[in-house]
Amino acid sequence: MGFFDFLKPADINAGVEKFKSTGGAVLLDVRTPAEYKSGHIPGSRNFPLDSIETLPRVIADKNIPIFVHCFSGARSGQAASAMRRMGYTNVTNIGGISGYRGKVVK
């Protein structure tokens, strides 16, 4: 990892592949329900950013691998930060679905 790697946007395609190869992982889409319905990554779960404080009711295990994405990567960054503050230990912001090249479900 180079000194300026933190400036590179997350690669959602690599993130989805990592999710698929990580047993027991959760792919969390923090867009709105309407955005999610318009097209989402197969296997993802919708949990809007504005509800993130209630996540422990749904995902109680704070050590489970969670891969978070949104449209551009901004909301997923906010969600990942909030989740870390709540005690989640294995959270990765994989960026925005706008850069996703795989199949989507509508």
C-alpha atoms as a PDB file:
ATOM      1  CA  MET A   1       0.000   0.000   0.000  1.00  0.00           C
ATOM      2  CA  GLY A   2       1.440   3.327  -1.088  1.00  0.00           C
ATOM      3  CA  PHE A   3       1.358   6.600   0.767  1.00  0.00           C
ATOM      4  CA  PHE A   4      -1.408   8.087  -1.429  1.00  0.00           C
ATOM      5  CA  ASP A   5      -3.536   4.928  -1.776  1.00  0.00           C
ATOM      6  CA  PHE A   6      -6.142   6.452   0.523  1.00  0.00           C
ATOM      7  CA  LEU A   7      -6.928   8.953  -2.255  1.00  0.00           C
ATOM      8  CA  LYS A   8      -7.935   6.216  -4.708  1.00  0.00           C
ATOM      9  CA  PRO A   9     -11.658   5.516  -4.887  1.00  0.00           C
ATOM     10  CA  ALA A  10     -12.732   2.060  -3.790  1.00  0.00           C
ATOM     11  CA  ASP A  11     -13.124  -0.494  -6.589  1.00  0.00           C
ATOM     12  CA  ILE A  12     -16.618  -1.918  -6.138  1.00  0.00           C
ATOM     13  CA  ASN A  13     -15.943  -4.743  -8.591  1.00  0.00           C
ATOM     14  CA  ALA A  14     -12.981  -5.980  -6.553  1.00  0.00           C
ATOM     15  CA  GLY A  15     -15.023  -5.436  -3.384  1.00  0.00           C
ATOM     16  CA  VAL A  16     -17.885  -7.605  -4.633  1.00  0.00           C
ATOM     17  CA  GLU A  17     -15.432 -10.366  -5.555  1.00  0.00           C
ATOM     18  CA  LYS A  18     -13.919 -10.147  -2.066  1.00  0.00           C
ATOM     19  CA  PHE A  19     -17.440 -10.325  -0.567  1.00  0.00           C
ATOM     20  CA  LYS A  20     -18.203 -13.445  -2.615  1.00  0.00           C
ATOM     21  CA  SER A  21     -15.034 -15.158  -1.405  1.00  0.00           C
ATOM     22  CA  THR A  22     -15.540 -14.256   2.268  1.00  0.00           C
ATOM     23  CA  GLY A  23     -17.633 -16.807   4.133  1.00  0.00           C
ATOM     24  CA  GLY A  24     -20.501 -15.394   6.181  1.00  0.00           C
ATOM     25  CA  ALA A  25     -20.032 -11.861   4.842  1.00  0.00           C
ATOM     26  CA  VAL A  26     -22.820  -9.328   4.329  1.00  0.00           C
ATOM     27  CA  LEU A  27     -23.074  -7.015   1.308  1.00  0.00           C
ATOM     28  CA  LEU A  28     -24.871  -3.920   2.593  1.00  0.00           C
ATOM     29  CA  ASP A  29     -26.417  -1.391   0.188  1.00  0.00           C
ATOM     30  CA  VAL A  30     -27.049   1.861   2.080  1.00  0.00           C
ATOM     31  CA  ARG A  31     -28.997   3.618  -0.673  1.00  0.00           C
ATOM     32  CA  THR A  32     -32.679   4.467  -0.313  1.00  0.00           C
ATOM     33  CA  PRO A  33     -35.271   1.713  -0.885  1.00  0.00           C
ATOM     34  CA  ALA A  34     -36.270   3.369  -4.194  1.00  0.00           C
ATOM     35  CA  GLU A  35     -32.651   3.374  -5.399  1.00  0.00           C
ATOM     36  CA  TYR A  36     -32.254  -0.251  -4.320  1.00  0.00           C
ATOM     37  CA  LYS A  37     -35.393  -1.285  -6.234  1.00  0.00           C
ATOM     38  CA  SER A  38     -34.111   0.444  -9.376  1.00  0.00           C
ATOM     39  CA  GLY A  39     -31.213  -2.021  -9.497  1.00  0.00           C
ATOM     40  CA  HIS A  40     -29.026  -3.728  -6.920  1.00  0.00           C
ATOM     41  CA  ILE A  41     -26.204  -6.233  -6.718  1.00  0.00           C
ATOM     42  CA  PRO A  42     -27.408  -9.828  -6.282  1.00  0.00           C
ATOM     43  CA  GLY A  43     -27.043 -10.949  -2.681  1.00  0.00           C
ATOM     44  CA  SER A  44     -26.995  -7.417  -1.272  1.00  0.00           C
ATOM     45  CA  ARG A  45     -29.187  -6.303   1.611  1.00  0.00           C
ATOM     46  CA  ASN A  46     -30.736  -2.844   1.647  1.00  0.00           C
ATOM     47  CA  PHE A  47     -30.183  -0.856   4.811  1.00  0.00           C
ATOM     48  CA  PRO A  48     -30.512   2.902   4.164  1.00  0.00           C
ATOM     49  CA  LEU A  49     -27.916   5.223   5.667  1.00  0.00           C
ATOM     50  CA  ASP A  50     -30.569   7.188   7.554  1.00  0.00           C
ATOM     51  CA  SER A  51     -31.400   4.018   9.538  1.00  0.00           C
ATOM     52  CA  ILE A  52     -27.823   2.914  10.227  1.00  0.00           C
ATOM     53  CA  GLU A  53     -28.117   3.464  13.993  1.00  0.00           C
ATOM     54  CA  THR A  54     -30.606   0.567  14.120  1.00  0.00           C
ATOM     55  CA  LEU A  55     -28.250  -1.886  12.382  1.00  0.00           C
ATOM     56  CA  PRO A  56     -27.431  -3.798  15.610  1.00  0.00           C
ATOM     57  CA  ARG A  57     -31.061  -4.988  15.667  1.00  0.00           C
ATOM     58  CA  VAL A  58     -30.478  -6.693  12.308  1.00  0.00           C
ATOM     59  CA  ILE A  59     -26.772  -7.597  12.461  1.00  0.00           C
ATOM     60  CA  ALA A  60     -25.929  -8.291  16.083  1.00  0.00           C
ATOM     61  CA  ASP A  61     -22.514  -9.899  15.430  1.00  0.00           C
ATOM     62  CA  LYS A  62     -20.141  -6.947  15.328  1.00  0.00           C
ATOM     63  CA  ASN A  63     -17.264  -9.092  14.050  1.00  0.00           C
ATOM     64  CA  ILE A  64     -18.988 -10.331  10.873  1.00  0.00           C
ATOM     65  CA  PRO A  65     -17.377  -9.116   7.607  1.00  0.00           C
ATOM     66  CA  ILE A  66     -19.541  -6.340   6.149  1.00  0.00           C
ATOM     67  CA  PHE A  67     -18.963  -4.845   2.703  1.00  0.00           C
ATOM     68  CA  VAL A  68     -20.801  -1.523   2.319  1.00  0.00           C
ATOM     69  CA  HIS A  69     -21.701   0.335  -0.871  1.00  0.00           C
ATOM     70  CA  CYS A  70     -24.029   3.059  -2.138  1.00  0.00           C
ATOM     71  CA  PHE A  71     -24.279   4.965  -5.433  1.00  0.00           C
ATOM     72  CA  SER A  72     -20.982   6.857  -5.453  1.00  0.00           C
ATOM     73  CA  GLY A  73     -19.187   5.729  -2.300  1.00  0.00           C
ATOM     74  CA  ALA A  74     -19.930   8.804  -0.163  1.00  0.00           C
ATOM     75  CA  ARG A  75     -22.857   7.427   1.843  1.00  0.00           C
ATOM     76  CA  SER A  76     -21.155   4.070   2.235  1.00  0.00           C
ATOM     77  CA  GLY A  77     -18.129   5.891   3.678  1.00  0.00           C
ATOM     78  CA  GLN A  78     -20.396   7.618   6.184  1.00  0.00           C
ATOM     79  CA  ALA A  79     -22.106   4.326   7.007  1.00  0.00           C
ATOM     80  CA  ALA A  80     -18.780   2.507   7.477  1.00  0.00           C
ATOM     81  CA  SER A  81     -17.559   5.227   9.843  1.00  0.00           C
ATOM     82  CA  ALA A  82     -20.799   5.104  11.845  1.00  0.00           C
ATOM     83  CA  MET A  83     -20.611   1.315  12.031  1.00  0.00           C
ATOM     84  CA  ARG A  84     -17.044   1.430  13.339  1.00  0.00           C
ATOM     85  CA  ARG A  85     -18.158   3.918  16.015  1.00  0.00           C
ATOM     86  CA  MET A  86     -20.893   1.410  16.969  1.00  0.00           C
ATOM     87  CA  GLY A  87     -18.230  -1.260  17.455  1.00  0.00           C
ATOM     88  CA  TYR A  88     -18.303  -3.172  14.171  1.00  0.00           C
ATOM     89  CA  THR A  89     -14.766  -4.428  13.606  1.00  0.00           C
ATOM     90  CA  ASN A  90     -14.745  -5.781  10.049  1.00  0.00           C
ATOM     91  CA  VAL A  91     -16.333  -3.115   7.810  1.00  0.00           C
ATOM     92  CA  THR A  92     -15.127  -2.268   4.298  1.00  0.00           C
ATOM     93  CA  ASN A  93     -16.436   0.558   2.122  1.00  0.00           C
ATOM     94  CA  ILE A  94     -16.305  -0.883  -1.394  1.00  0.00           C
ATOM     95  CA  GLY A  95     -17.522   2.291  -3.108  1.00  0.00           C
ATOM     96  CA  GLY A  96     -20.372   3.026  -5.455  1.00  0.00           C
ATOM     97  CA  ILE A  97     -22.595   0.890  -7.632  1.00  0.00           C
ATOM     98  CA  SER A  98     -22.189   3.540 -10.344  1.00  0.00           C
ATOM     99  CA  GLY A  99     -18.865   1.845 -11.165  1.00  0.00           C
ATOM    100  CA  TYR A 100     -20.175  -1.715 -10.967  1.00  0.00           C
ATOM    101  CA  ARG A 101     -19.814  -3.778 -14.131  1.00  0.00           C
ATOM    102  CA  GLY A 102     -21.651  -6.922 -13.041  1.00  0.00           C
ATOM    103  CA  LYS A 103     -25.246  -8.091 -13.130  1.00  0.00           C
ATOM    104  CA  VAL A 104     -27.902  -6.124 -11.238  1.00  0.00           C
ATOM    105  CA  VAL A 105     -31.316  -7.265 -10.048  1.00  0.00           C
ATOM    106  CA  LYS A 106     -34.396  -5.094 -10.530  1.00  0.00           C
END
